[in-house]
Amino acid sequence: LIDNQEVIPRKVSHALLEPKVTIPGDKDLVVIRVKCLGQKDGKDAEVILDLIDYFDEHTGFTAMERTTGWDASIVAIMMAQGKIQKGAIPIELAMPGDYFVEELAKRGIKVTVKIV
């Protein structure tokens, strides 16, 4: 409480930061590339994952909201369904990658996978 008023930290942060980072009418995009190098069957291997997402005109969701919110929702749903083991587990061990990419596609976010 501040001066007998309940303060919600997220709302305070949002009120202070949004005017400084928002440009009216701006439409964002998110570009992510993940390059994995390693070995498979004793040979050098490389996998490249690309994701490009854009502001959604229909929903008004920014690309950043889409690419963070949908990811979190997939994990939360799997946790609620008991499909992710409880405890501190690295996400790459807890979440099957192919399943995650399929779930993103269902939400309109396409990940391109290239195996070199």
PDB file of N, CA and C in Angstrom:
ATOM      1  N   LEU A   1       0.831  -1.186   0.000  1.00  0.00           N
ATOM      2  CA  LEU A   1       0.000   0.000   0.000  1.00  0.00           C
ATOM      3  C   LEU A   1       0.877   1.252   0.000  1.00  0.00           C
ATOM      4  N   ILE A   2       0.463   2.209  -0.762  1.00  0.00           N
ATOM      5  CA  ILE A   2       1.103   3.525  -0.756  1.00  0.00           C
ATOM      6  C   ILE A   2      -0.011   4.534  -0.515  1.00  0.00           C
ATOM      7  N   ASP A   3       0.109   5.280   0.571  1.00  0.00           N
ATOM      8  CA  ASP A   3      -0.941   6.232   0.956  1.00  0.00           C
ATOM      9  C   ASP A   3      -2.308   5.557   0.997  1.00  0.00           C
ATOM     10  N   ASN A   4      -2.348   4.372   1.583  1.00  0.00           N
ATOM     11  CA  ASN A   4      -3.565   3.573   1.718  1.00  0.00           C
ATOM     12  C   ASN A   4      -4.184   3.163   0.381  1.00  0.00           C
ATOM     13  N   GLN A   5      -3.408   3.203  -0.675  1.00  0.00           N
ATOM     14  CA  GLN A   5      -3.871   2.750  -1.987  1.00  0.00           C
ATOM     15  C   GLN A   5      -3.129   1.468  -2.343  1.00  0.00           C
ATOM     16  N   GLU A   6      -3.892   0.485  -2.798  1.00  0.00           N
ATOM     17  CA  GLU A   6      -3.258  -0.750  -3.252  1.00  0.00           C
ATOM     18  C   GLU A   6      -2.502  -0.463  -4.549  1.00  0.00           C
ATOM     19  N   VAL A   7      -1.265  -0.939  -4.602  1.00  0.00           N
ATOM     20  CA  VAL A   7      -0.430  -0.732  -5.782  1.00  0.00           C
ATOM     21  C   VAL A   7      -0.119  -2.094  -6.391  1.00  0.00           C
ATOM     22  N   ILE A   8      -0.396  -2.219  -7.668  1.00  0.00           N
ATOM     23  CA  ILE A   8      -0.089  -3.453  -8.387  1.00  0.00           C
ATOM     24  C   ILE A   8       1.156  -3.171  -9.223  1.00  0.00           C
ATOM     25  N   PRO A   9       2.293  -3.797  -8.862  1.00  0.00           N
ATOM     26  CA  PRO A   9       3.561  -3.480  -9.529  1.00  0.00           C
ATOM     27  C   PRO A   9       3.501  -3.543 -11.056  1.00  0.00           C
ATOM     28  N   ARG A  10       2.837  -4.536 -11.614  1.00  0.00           N
ATOM     29  CA  ARG A  10       2.770  -4.653 -13.069  1.00  0.00           C
ATOM     30  C   ARG A  10       2.079  -3.441 -13.689  1.00  0.00           C
ATOM     31  N   LYS A  11       1.006  -2.989 -13.052  1.00  0.00           N
ATOM     32  CA  LYS A  11       0.277  -1.832 -13.585  1.00  0.00           C
ATOM     33  C   LYS A  11       1.120  -0.560 -13.502  1.00  0.00           C
ATOM     34  N   VAL A  12       1.878  -0.427 -12.429  1.00  0.00           N
ATOM     35  CA  VAL A  12       2.754   0.738 -12.289  1.00  0.00           C
ATOM     36  C   VAL A  12       3.829   0.701 -13.376  1.00  0.00           C
ATOM     37  N   SER A  13       4.467  -0.455 -13.545  1.00  0.00           N
ATOM     38  CA  SER A  13       5.496  -0.598 -14.582  1.00  0.00           C
ATOM     39  C   SER A  13       4.927  -0.290 -15.957  1.00  0.00           C
ATOM     40  N   HIS A  14       3.756  -0.831 -16.230  1.00  0.00           N
ATOM     41  CA  HIS A  14       3.110  -0.621 -17.528  1.00  0.00           C
ATOM     42  C   HIS A  14       2.828   0.866 -17.758  1.00  0.00           C
ATOM     43  N   ALA A  15       2.296   1.530 -16.745  1.00  0.00           N
ATOM     44  CA  ALA A  15       1.963   2.954 -16.875  1.00  0.00           C
ATOM     45  C   ALA A  15       3.212   3.806 -17.104  1.00  0.00           C
ATOM     46  N   LEU A  16       4.326   3.430 -16.484  1.00  0.00           N
ATOM     47  CA  LEU A  16       5.555   4.201 -16.640  1.00  0.00           C
ATOM     48  C   LEU A  16       6.281   3.906 -17.950  1.00  0.00           C
ATOM     49  N   LEU A  17       6.295   2.636 -18.352  1.00  0.00           N
ATOM     50  CA  LEU A  17       7.099   2.240 -19.510  1.00  0.00           C
ATOM     51  C   LEU A  17       6.386   2.354 -20.851  1.00  0.00           C
ATOM     52  N   GLU A  18       5.112   2.015 -20.897  1.00  0.00           N
ATOM     53  CA  GLU A  18       4.418   1.976 -22.192  1.00  0.00           C
ATOM     54  C   GLU A  18       4.531   3.273 -22.984  1.00  0.00           C
ATOM     55  N   PRO A  19       4.333   4.441 -22.384  1.00  0.00           N
ATOM     56  CA  PRO A  19       4.444   5.672 -23.180  1.00  0.00           C
ATOM     57  C   PRO A  19       5.839   5.880 -23.783  1.00  0.00           C
ATOM     58  N   LYS A  20       6.854   5.283 -23.165  1.00  0.00           N
ATOM     59  CA  LYS A  20       8.220   5.465 -23.647  1.00  0.00           C
ATOM     60  C   LYS A  20       8.596   4.475 -24.751  1.00  0.00           C
ATOM     61  N   VAL A  21       7.875   3.358 -24.860  1.00  0.00           N
ATOM     62  CA  VAL A  21       8.239   2.334 -25.854  1.00  0.00           C
ATOM     63  C   VAL A  21       7.183   2.137 -26.931  1.00  0.00           C
ATOM     64  N   THR A  22       6.067   2.827 -26.831  1.00  0.00           N
ATOM     65  CA  THR A  22       4.979   2.651 -27.790  1.00  0.00           C
ATOM     66  C   THR A  22       4.947   3.815 -28.772  1.00  0.00           C
ATOM     67  N   ILE A  23       4.852   3.463 -30.040  1.00  0.00           N
ATOM     68  CA  ILE A  23       4.686   4.459 -31.095  1.00  0.00           C
ATOM     69  C   ILE A  23       3.291   4.231 -31.667  1.00  0.00           C
ATOM     70  N   PRO A  24       2.387   5.189 -31.553  1.00  0.00           N
ATOM     71  CA  PRO A  24       1.020   4.994 -32.047  1.00  0.00           C
ATOM     72  C   PRO A  24       1.012   4.522 -33.506  1.00  0.00           C
ATOM     73  N   GLY A  25       0.247   3.474 -33.767  1.00  0.00           N
ATOM     74  CA  GLY A  25       0.128   2.932 -35.116  1.00  0.00           C
ATOM     75  C   GLY A  25       1.276   2.034 -35.532  1.00  0.00           C
ATOM     76  N   ASP A  26       2.275   1.875 -34.670  1.00  0.00           N
ATOM     77  CA  ASP A  26       3.426   1.036 -35.004  1.00  0.00           C
ATOM     78  C   ASP A  26       3.018  -0.431 -35.034  1.00  0.00           C
ATOM     79  N   LYS A  27       3.515  -1.160 -36.006  1.00  0.00           N
ATOM     80  CA  LYS A  27       3.243  -2.595 -36.139  1.00  0.00           C
ATOM     81  C   LYS A  27       4.581  -3.316 -36.114  1.00  0.00           C
ATOM     82  N   ASP A  28       4.751  -4.162 -35.113  1.00  0.00           N
ATOM     83  CA  ASP A  28       6.041  -4.808 -34.922  1.00  0.00           C
ATOM     84  C   ASP A  28       6.162  -6.119 -35.675  1.00  0.00           C
ATOM     85  N   LEU A  29       7.351  -6.680 -35.612  1.00  0.00           N
ATOM     86  CA  LEU A  29       7.589  -8.026 -36.089  1.00  0.00           C
ATOM     87  C   LEU A  29       8.656  -8.641 -35.208  1.00  0.00           C
ATOM     88  N   VAL A  30       8.658  -9.962 -35.161  1.00  0.00           N
ATOM     89  CA  VAL A  30       9.646 -10.710 -34.397  1.00  0.00           C
ATOM     90  C   VAL A  30      10.367 -11.624 -35.371  1.00  0.00           C
ATOM     91  N   VAL A  31      11.695 -11.603 -35.314  1.00  0.00           N
ATOM     92  CA  VAL A  31      12.517 -12.479 -36.141  1.00  0.00           C
ATOM     93  C   VAL A  31      13.437 -13.249 -35.201  1.00  0.00           C
ATOM     94  N   ILE A  32      13.364 -14.582 -35.272  1.00  0.00           N
ATOM     95  CA  ILE A  32      14.200 -15.430 -34.422  1.00  0.00           C
ATOM     96  C   ILE A  32      14.867 -16.478 -35.299  1.00  0.00           C
ATOM     97  N   ARG A  33      16.167 -16.653 -35.111  1.00  0.00           N
ATOM     98  CA  ARG A  33      16.891 -17.746 -35.767  1.00  0.00           C
ATOM     99  C   ARG A  33      17.675 -18.478 -34.687  1.00  0.00           C
ATOM    100  N   VAL A  34      17.505 -19.791 -34.649  1.00  0.00           N
ATOM    101  CA  VAL A  34      18.249 -20.637 -33.729  1.00  0.00           C
ATOM    102  C   VAL A  34      19.085 -21.575 -34.578  1.00  0.00           C
ATOM    103  N   LYS A  35      20.385 -21.577 -34.334  1.00  0.00           N
ATOM    104  CA  LYS A  35      21.296 -22.439 -35.087  1.00  0.00           C
ATOM    105  C   LYS A  35      21.937 -23.404 -34.098  1.00  0.00           C
ATOM    106  N   CYS A  36      21.708 -24.686 -34.308  1.00  0.00           N
ATOM    107  CA  CYS A  36      22.220 -25.718 -33.410  1.00  0.00           C
ATOM    108  C   CYS A  36      23.286 -26.524 -34.140  1.00  0.00           C
ATOM    109  N   LEU A  37      24.449 -26.633 -33.533  1.00  0.00           N
ATOM    110  CA  LEU A  37      25.543 -27.410 -34.101  1.00  0.00           C
ATOM    111  C   LEU A  37      25.876 -28.544 -33.150  1.00  0.00           C
ATOM    112  N   GLY A  38      26.154 -29.709 -33.698  1.00  0.00           N
ATOM    113  CA  GLY A  38      26.504 -30.844 -32.862  1.00  0.00           C
ATOM    114  C   GLY A  38      26.870 -32.031 -33.718  1.00  0.00           C
ATOM    115  N   GLN A  39      26.681 -33.199 -33.149  1.00  0.00           N
ATOM    116  CA  GLN A  39      26.960 -34.425 -33.885  1.00  0.00           C
ATOM    117  C   GLN A  39      25.779 -35.367 -33.770  1.00  0.00           C
ATOM    118  N   LYS A  40      25.531 -36.079 -34.855  1.00  0.00           N
ATOM    119  CA  LYS A  40      24.500 -37.109 -34.876  1.00  0.00           C
ATOM    120  C   LYS A  40      25.092 -38.309 -35.588  1.00  0.00           C
ATOM    121  N   ASP A  41      25.026 -39.442 -34.938  1.00  0.00           N
ATOM    122  CA  ASP A  41      25.591 -40.676 -35.490  1.00  0.00           C
ATOM    123  C   ASP A  41      27.060 -40.499 -35.852  1.00  0.00           C
ATOM    124  N   GLY A  42      27.808 -39.745 -35.027  1.00  0.00           N
ATOM    125  CA  GLY A  42      29.237 -39.563 -35.234  1.00  0.00           C
ATOM    126  C   GLY A  42      29.612 -38.567 -36.317  1.00  0.00           C
ATOM    127  N   LYS A  43      28.641 -37.896 -36.901  1.00  0.00           N
ATOM    128  CA  LYS A  43      28.908 -36.922 -37.967  1.00  0.00           C
ATOM    129  C   LYS A  43      28.439 -35.538 -37.527  1.00  0.00           C
ATOM    130  N   ASP A  44      29.114 -34.507 -38.062  1.00  0.00           N
ATOM    131  CA  ASP A  44      28.682 -33.142 -37.769  1.00  0.00           C
ATOM    132  C   ASP A  44      27.251 -32.936 -38.251  1.00  0.00           C
ATOM    133  N   ALA A  45      26.479 -32.223 -37.461  1.00  0.00           N
ATOM    134  CA  ALA A  45      25.079 -31.966 -37.808  1.00  0.00           C
ATOM    135  C   ALA A  45      24.743 -30.514 -37.482  1.00  0.00           C
ATOM    136  N   GLU A  46      23.782 -29.981 -38.224  1.00  0.00           N
ATOM    137  CA  GLU A  46      23.350 -28.602 -38.017  1.00  0.00           C
ATOM    138  C   GLU A  46      21.847 -28.525 -38.253  1.00  0.00           C
ATOM    139  N   VAL A  47      21.163 -27.854 -37.355  1.00  0.00           N
ATOM    140  CA  VAL A  47      19.730 -27.605 -37.504  1.00  0.00           C
ATOM    141  C   VAL A  47      19.513 -26.101 -37.347  1.00  0.00           C
ATOM    142  N   ILE A  48      18.740 -25.531 -38.271  1.00  0.00           N
ATOM    143  CA  ILE A  48      18.428 -24.104 -38.220  1.00  0.00           C
ATOM    144  C   ILE A  48      16.913 -23.958 -38.120  1.00  0.00           C
ATOM    145  N   LEU A  49      16.475 -23.214 -37.124  1.00  0.00           N
ATOM    146  CA  LEU A  49      15.051 -22.927 -36.959  1.00  0.00           C
ATOM    147  C   LEU A  49      14.842 -21.434 -37.165  1.00  0.00           C
ATOM    148  N   ASP A  50      13.890 -21.087 -38.014  1.00  0.00           N
ATOM    149  CA  ASP A  50      13.569 -19.690 -38.285  1.00  0.00           C
ATOM    150  C   ASP A  50      12.112 -19.424 -37.948  1.00  0.00           C
ATOM    151  N   LEU A  51      11.871 -18.278 -37.344  1.00  0.00           N
ATOM    152  CA  LEU A  51      10.519 -17.849 -37.020  1.00  0.00           C
ATOM    153  C   LEU A  51      10.417 -16.368 -37.361  1.00  0.00           C
ATOM    154  N   ILE A  52       9.416 -16.019 -38.142  1.00  0.00           N
ATOM    155  CA  ILE A  52       9.101 -14.614 -38.412  1.00  0.00           C
ATOM    156  C   ILE A  52       7.616 -14.444 -38.112  1.00  0.00           C
ATOM    157  N   ASP A  53       7.300 -13.498 -37.256  1.00  0.00           N
ATOM    158  CA  ASP A  53       5.902 -13.262 -36.913  1.00  0.00           C
ATOM    159  C   ASP A  53       5.629 -11.764 -36.968  1.00  0.00           C
ATOM    160  N   TYR A  54       4.392 -11.418 -37.310  1.00  0.00           N
ATOM    161  CA  TYR A  54       4.008 -10.027 -37.534  1.00  0.00           C
ATOM    162  C   TYR A  54       2.845  -9.622 -36.631  1.00  0.00           C
ATOM    163  N   PHE A  55       2.692  -8.328 -36.451  1.00  0.00           N
ATOM    164  CA  PHE A  55       1.528  -7.762 -35.783  1.00  0.00           C
ATOM    165  C   PHE A  55       0.271  -8.367 -36.406  1.00  0.00           C
ATOM    166  N   ASP A  56      -0.691  -8.752 -35.585  1.00  0.00           N
ATOM    167  CA  ASP A  56      -1.924  -9.367 -36.075  1.00  0.00           C
ATOM    168  C   ASP A  56      -3.016  -8.301 -36.190  1.00  0.00           C
ATOM    169  N   GLU A  57      -3.332  -7.935 -37.416  1.00  0.00           N
ATOM    170  CA  GLU A  57      -4.343  -6.894 -37.674  1.00  0.00           C
ATOM    171  C   GLU A  57      -5.714  -7.287 -37.120  1.00  0.00           C
ATOM    172  N   HIS A  58      -6.035  -8.575 -37.199  1.00  0.00           N
ATOM    173  CA  HIS A  58      -7.358  -9.049 -36.784  1.00  0.00           C
ATOM    174  C   HIS A  58      -7.558  -8.950 -35.269  1.00  0.00           C
ATOM    175  N   THR A  59      -6.562  -9.409 -34.497  1.00  0.00           N
ATOM    176  CA  THR A  59      -6.706  -9.433 -33.036  1.00  0.00           C
ATOM    177  C   THR A  59      -6.137  -8.194 -32.357  1.00  0.00           C
ATOM    178  N   GLY A  60      -5.217  -7.506 -33.046  1.00  0.00           N
ATOM    179  CA  GLY A  60      -4.537  -6.375 -32.427  1.00  0.00           C
ATOM    180  C   GLY A  60      -3.348  -6.787 -31.580  1.00  0.00           C
ATOM    181  N   PHE A  61      -3.049  -8.096 -31.539  1.00  0.00           N
ATOM    182  CA  PHE A  61      -1.890  -8.571 -30.776  1.00  0.00           C
ATOM    183  C   PHE A  61      -0.608  -8.214 -31.514  1.00  0.00           C
ATOM    184  N   THR A  62       0.368  -7.713 -30.768  1.00  0.00           N
ATOM    185  CA  THR A  62       1.675  -7.458 -31.370  1.00  0.00           C
ATOM    186  C   THR A  62       2.372  -8.794 -31.602  1.00  0.00           C
ATOM    187  N   ALA A  63       3.371  -8.776 -32.468  1.00  0.00           N
ATOM    188  CA  ALA A  63       4.154  -9.993 -32.703  1.00  0.00           C
ATOM    189  C   ALA A  63       4.833 -10.438 -31.409  1.00  0.00           C
ATOM    190  N   MET A  64       5.294  -9.483 -30.615  1.00  0.00           N
ATOM    191  CA  MET A  64       5.938  -9.821 -29.348  1.00  0.00           C
ATOM    192  C   MET A  64       4.945 -10.474 -28.390  1.00  0.00           C
ATOM    193  N   GLU A  65       3.719  -9.964 -28.337  1.00  0.00           N
ATOM    194  CA  GLU A  65       2.697 -10.590 -27.485  1.00  0.00           C
ATOM    195  C   GLU A  65       2.412 -12.011 -27.960  1.00  0.00           C
ATOM    196  N   ARG A  66       2.303 -12.177 -29.264  1.00  0.00           N
ATOM    197  CA  ARG A  66       1.999 -13.498 -29.823  1.00  0.00           C
ATOM    198  C   ARG A  66       3.124 -14.502 -29.536  1.00  0.00           C
ATOM    199  N   THR A  67       4.372 -14.078 -29.749  1.00  0.00           N
ATOM    200  CA  THR A  67       5.482 -15.023 -29.625  1.00  0.00           C
ATOM    201  C   THR A  67       5.924 -15.262 -28.189  1.00  0.00           C
ATOM    202  N   THR A  68       5.432 -14.482 -27.255  1.00  0.00           N
ATOM    203  CA  THR A  68       5.704 -14.777 -25.845  1.00  0.00           C
ATOM    204  C   THR A  68       4.472 -15.395 -25.183  1.00  0.00           C
ATOM    205  N   GLY A  69       3.312 -14.860 -25.479  1.00  0.00           N
ATOM    206  CA  GLY A  69       2.080 -15.351 -24.855  1.00  0.00           C
ATOM    207  C   GLY A  69       1.700 -16.755 -25.281  1.00  0.00           C
ATOM    208  N   TRP A  70       1.772 -17.026 -26.580  1.00  0.00           N
ATOM    209  CA  TRP A  70       1.391 -18.368 -27.042  1.00  0.00           C
ATOM    210  C   TRP A  70       2.365 -19.410 -26.508  1.00  0.00           C
ATOM    211  N   ASP A  71       3.658 -19.089 -26.479  1.00  0.00           N
ATOM    212  CA  ASP A  71       4.637 -20.030 -25.925  1.00  0.00           C
ATOM    213  C   ASP A  71       4.288 -20.383 -24.481  1.00  0.00           C
ATOM    214  N   ALA A  72       4.032 -19.346 -23.697  1.00  0.00           N
ATOM    215  CA  ALA A  72       3.699 -19.565 -22.288  1.00  0.00           C
ATOM    216  C   ALA A  72       2.408 -20.360 -22.142  1.00  0.00           C
ATOM    217  N   SER A  73       1.432 -20.104 -23.012  1.00  0.00           N
ATOM    218  CA  SER A  73       0.155 -20.823 -22.910  1.00  0.00           C
ATOM    219  C   SER A  73       0.329 -22.306 -23.209  1.00  0.00           C
ATOM    220  N   ILE A  74       1.192 -22.634 -24.167  1.00  0.00           N
ATOM    221  CA  ILE A  74       1.435 -24.043 -24.504  1.00  0.00           C
ATOM    222  C   ILE A  74       2.029 -24.764 -23.300  1.00  0.00           C
ATOM    223  N   VAL A  75       3.020 -24.153 -22.679  1.00  0.00           N
ATOM    224  CA  VAL A  75       3.656 -24.758 -21.507  1.00  0.00           C
ATOM    225  C   VAL A  75       2.654 -24.868 -20.359  1.00  0.00           C
ATOM    226  N   ALA A  76       1.859 -23.826 -20.118  1.00  0.00           N
ATOM    227  CA  ALA A  76       0.878 -23.851 -19.024  1.00  0.00           C
ATOM    228  C   ALA A  76      -0.161 -24.949 -19.232  1.00  0.00           C
ATOM    229  N   ILE A  77      -0.630 -25.106 -20.456  1.00  0.00           N
ATOM    230  CA  ILE A  77      -1.616 -26.159 -20.753  1.00  0.00           C
ATOM    231  C   ILE A  77      -1.010 -27.528 -20.496  1.00  0.00           C
ATOM    232  N   MET A  78       0.219 -27.730 -20.966  1.00  0.00           N
ATOM    233  CA  MET A  78       0.869 -29.030 -20.749  1.00  0.00           C
ATOM    234  C   MET A  78       1.090 -29.301 -19.263  1.00  0.00           C
ATOM    235  N   MET A  79       1.423 -28.265 -18.504  1.00  0.00           N
ATOM    236  CA  MET A  79       1.598 -28.442 -17.059  1.00  0.00           C
ATOM    237  C   MET A  79       0.273 -28.836 -16.415  1.00  0.00           C
ATOM    238  N   ALA A  80      -0.803 -28.156 -16.798  1.00  0.00           N
ATOM    239  CA  ALA A  80      -2.125 -28.453 -16.236  1.00  0.00           C
ATOM    240  C   ALA A  80      -2.570 -29.867 -16.584  1.00  0.00           C
ATOM    241  N   GLN A  81      -2.157 -30.354 -17.750  1.00  0.00           N
ATOM    242  CA  GLN A  81      -2.511 -31.708 -18.183  1.00  0.00           C
ATOM    243  C   GLN A  81      -1.576 -32.764 -17.601  1.00  0.00           C
ATOM    244  N   GLY A  82      -0.565 -32.333 -16.846  1.00  0.00           N
ATOM    245  CA  GLY A  82       0.382 -33.275 -16.253  1.00  0.00           C
ATOM    246  C   GLY A  82       1.374 -33.839 -17.258  1.00  0.00           C
ATOM    247  N   LYS A  83       1.548 -33.169 -18.392  1.00  0.00           N
ATOM    248  CA  LYS A  83       2.455 -33.656 -19.440  1.00  0.00           C
ATOM    249  C   LYS A  83       3.886 -33.160 -19.261  1.00  0.00           C
ATOM    250  N   ILE A  84       4.082 -32.245 -18.322  1.00  0.00           N
ATOM    251  CA  ILE A  84       5.422 -31.749 -18.021  1.00  0.00           C
ATOM    252  C   ILE A  84       5.718 -32.101 -16.572  1.00  0.00           C
ATOM    253  N   GLN A  85       6.859 -32.739 -16.376  1.00  0.00           N
ATOM    254  CA  GLN A  85       7.269 -33.165 -15.044  1.00  0.00           C
ATOM    255  C   GLN A  85       7.446 -31.956 -14.128  1.00  0.00           C
ATOM    256  N   LYS A  86       7.037 -32.096 -12.879  1.00  0.00           N
ATOM    257  CA  LYS A  86       7.177 -31.012 -11.905  1.00  0.00           C
ATOM    258  C   LYS A  86       8.640 -30.856 -11.503  1.00  0.00           C
ATOM    259  N   GLY A  87       8.990 -29.635 -11.103  1.00  0.00           N
ATOM    260  CA  GLY A  87      10.340 -29.366 -10.629  1.00  0.00           C
ATOM    261  C   GLY A  87      11.125 -28.511 -11.604  1.00  0.00           C
ATOM    262  N   ALA A  88      12.387 -28.323 -11.288  1.00  0.00           N
ATOM    263  CA  ALA A  88      13.273 -27.507 -12.129  1.00  0.00           C
ATOM    264  C   ALA A  88      13.884 -28.394 -13.207  1.00  0.00           C
ATOM    265  N   ILE A  89      13.346 -28.261 -14.405  1.00  0.00           N
ATOM    266  CA  ILE A  89      13.781 -29.091 -15.527  1.00  0.00           C
ATOM    267  C   ILE A  89      14.076 -28.170 -16.705  1.00  0.00           C
ATOM    268  N   PRO A  90      15.230 -28.334 -17.354  1.00  0.00           N
ATOM    269  CA  PRO A  90      15.497 -27.504 -18.535  1.00  0.00           C
ATOM    270  C   PRO A  90      14.391 -27.702 -19.573  1.00  0.00           C
ATOM    271  N   ILE A  91      13.938 -26.604 -20.177  1.00  0.00           N
ATOM    272  CA  ILE A  91      12.814 -26.665 -21.109  1.00  0.00           C
ATOM    273  C   ILE A  91      13.083 -27.624 -22.256  1.00  0.00           C
ATOM    274  N   GLU A  92      14.342 -27.719 -22.702  1.00  0.00           N
ATOM    275  CA  GLU A  92      14.645 -28.614 -23.817  1.00  0.00           C
ATOM    276  C   GLU A  92      14.461 -30.085 -23.447  1.00  0.00           C
ATOM    277  N   LEU A  93      14.443 -30.388 -22.161  1.00  0.00           N
ATOM    278  CA  LEU A  93      14.167 -31.754 -21.711  1.00  0.00           C
ATOM    279  C   LEU A  93      12.689 -31.942 -21.368  1.00  0.00           C
ATOM    280  N   ALA A  94      12.045 -30.890 -20.913  1.00  0.00           N
ATOM    281  CA  ALA A  94      10.649 -30.977 -20.477  1.00  0.00           C
ATOM    282  C   ALA A  94       9.660 -30.928 -21.635  1.00  0.00           C
ATOM    283  N   MET A  95       9.997 -30.223 -22.701  1.00  0.00           N
ATOM    284  CA  MET A  95       9.061 -29.975 -23.802  1.00  0.00           C
ATOM    285  C   MET A  95       9.547 -30.648 -25.081  1.00  0.00           C
ATOM    286  N   PRO A  96       8.763 -31.579 -25.631  1.00  0.00           N
ATOM    287  CA  PRO A  96       9.138 -32.168 -26.923  1.00  0.00           C
ATOM    288  C   PRO A  96       9.111 -31.085 -28.008  1.00  0.00           C
ATOM    289  N   GLY A  97      10.240 -30.871 -28.681  1.00  0.00           N
ATOM    290  CA  GLY A  97      10.367 -29.798 -29.660  1.00  0.00           C
ATOM    291  C   GLY A  97       9.362 -29.866 -30.792  1.00  0.00           C
ATOM    292  N   ASP A  98       9.170 -31.061 -31.369  1.00  0.00           N
ATOM    293  CA  ASP A  98       8.229 -31.195 -32.486  1.00  0.00           C
ATOM    294  C   ASP A  98       6.812 -30.819 -32.053  1.00  0.00           C
ATOM    295  N   TYR A  99       6.426 -31.262 -30.873  1.00  0.00           N
ATOM    296  CA  TYR A  99       5.092 -30.953 -30.353  1.00  0.00           C
ATOM    297  C   TYR A  99       4.926 -29.440 -30.193  1.00  0.00           C
ATOM    298  N   PHE A 100       5.953 -28.803 -29.641  1.00  0.00           N
ATOM    299  CA  PHE A 100       5.909 -27.362 -29.409  1.00  0.00           C
ATOM    300  C   PHE A 100       5.731 -26.603 -30.723  1.00  0.00           C
ATOM    301  N   VAL A 101       6.485 -26.994 -31.749  1.00  0.00           N
ATOM    302  CA  VAL A 101       6.391 -26.348 -33.064  1.00  0.00           C
ATOM    303  C   VAL A 101       4.997 -26.562 -33.659  1.00  0.00           C
ATOM    304  N   GLU A 102       4.439 -27.769 -33.494  1.00  0.00           N
ATOM    305  CA  GLU A 102       3.079 -28.050 -33.986  1.00  0.00           C
ATOM    306  C   GLU A 102       2.050 -27.163 -33.282  1.00  0.00           C
ATOM    307  N   GLU A 103       2.193 -27.003 -31.978  1.00  0.00           N
ATOM    308  CA  GLU A 103       1.255 -26.180 -31.216  1.00  0.00           C
ATOM    309  C   GLU A 103       1.361 -24.705 -31.610  1.00  0.00           C
ATOM    310  N   LEU A 104       2.574 -24.238 -31.870  1.00  0.00           N
ATOM    311  CA  LEU A 104       2.728 -22.864 -32.348  1.00  0.00           C
ATOM    312  C   LEU A 104       2.015 -22.684 -33.686  1.00  0.00           C
ATOM    313  N   ALA A 105       2.160 -23.663 -34.584  1.00  0.00           N
ATOM    314  CA  ALA A 105       1.516 -23.586 -35.904  1.00  0.00           C
ATOM    315  C   ALA A 105      -0.001 -23.497 -35.760  1.00  0.00           C
ATOM    316  N   LYS A 106      -0.566 -24.231 -34.793  1.00  0.00           N
ATOM    317  CA  LYS A 106      -2.014 -24.172 -34.561  1.00  0.00           C
ATOM    318  C   LYS A 106      -2.457 -22.763 -34.162  1.00  0.00           C
ATOM    319  N   ARG A 107      -1.521 -21.996 -33.616  1.00  0.00           N
ATOM    320  CA  ARG A 107      -1.822 -20.636 -33.165  1.00  0.00           C
ATOM    321  C   ARG A 107      -1.373 -19.590 -34.190  1.00  0.00           C
ATOM    322  N   GLY A 108      -0.996 -20.066 -35.380  1.00  0.00           N
ATOM    323  CA  GLY A 108      -0.639 -19.152 -36.463  1.00  0.00           C
ATOM    324  C   GLY A 108       0.807 -18.701 -36.485  1.00  0.00           C
ATOM    325  N   ILE A 109       1.668 -19.356 -35.726  1.00  0.00           N
ATOM    326  CA  ILE A 109       3.091 -19.016 -35.718  1.00  0.00           C
ATOM    327  C   ILE A 109       3.852 -20.171 -36.353  1.00  0.00           C
ATOM    328  N   LYS A 110       4.465 -19.904 -37.492  1.00  0.00           N
ATOM    329  CA  LYS A 110       5.152 -20.953 -38.242  1.00  0.00           C
ATOM    330  C   LYS A 110       6.650 -20.915 -37.959  1.00  0.00           C
ATOM    331  N   VAL A 111       7.186 -22.086 -37.633  1.00  0.00           N
ATOM    332  CA  VAL A 111       8.623 -22.248 -37.441  1.00  0.00           C
ATOM    333  C   VAL A 111       9.124 -23.118 -38.589  1.00  0.00           C
ATOM    334  N   THR A 112      10.117 -22.620 -39.310  1.00  0.00           N
ATOM    335  CA  THR A 112      10.720 -23.386 -40.394  1.00  0.00           C
ATOM    336  C   THR A 112      11.944 -24.099 -39.843  1.00  0.00           C
ATOM    337  N   VAL A 113      12.024 -25.411 -40.072  1.00  0.00           N
ATOM    338  CA  VAL A 113      13.141 -26.212 -39.583  1.00  0.00           C
ATOM    339  C   VAL A 113      13.937 -26.706 -40.783  1.00  0.00           C
ATOM    340  N   LYS A 114      15.237 -26.428 -40.756  1.00  0.00           N
ATOM    341  CA  LYS A 114      16.119 -26.869 -41.839  1.00  0.00           C
ATOM    342  C   LYS A 114      17.231 -27.708 -41.226  1.00  0.00           C
ATOM    343  N   ILE A 115      17.362 -28.943 -41.698  1.00  0.00           N
ATOM    344  CA  ILE A 115      18.420 -29.833 -41.225  1.00  0.00           C
ATOM    345  C   ILE A 115      19.504 -29.863 -42.297  1.00  0.00           C
ATOM    346  N   VAL A 116      20.722 -29.483 -41.901  1.00  0.00           N
ATOM    347  CA  VAL A 116      21.833 -29.397 -42.856  1.00  0.00           C
ATOM    348  C   VAL A 116      22.713 -30.621 -42.712  1.00  0.00           C
TER     349      VAL A 116
END
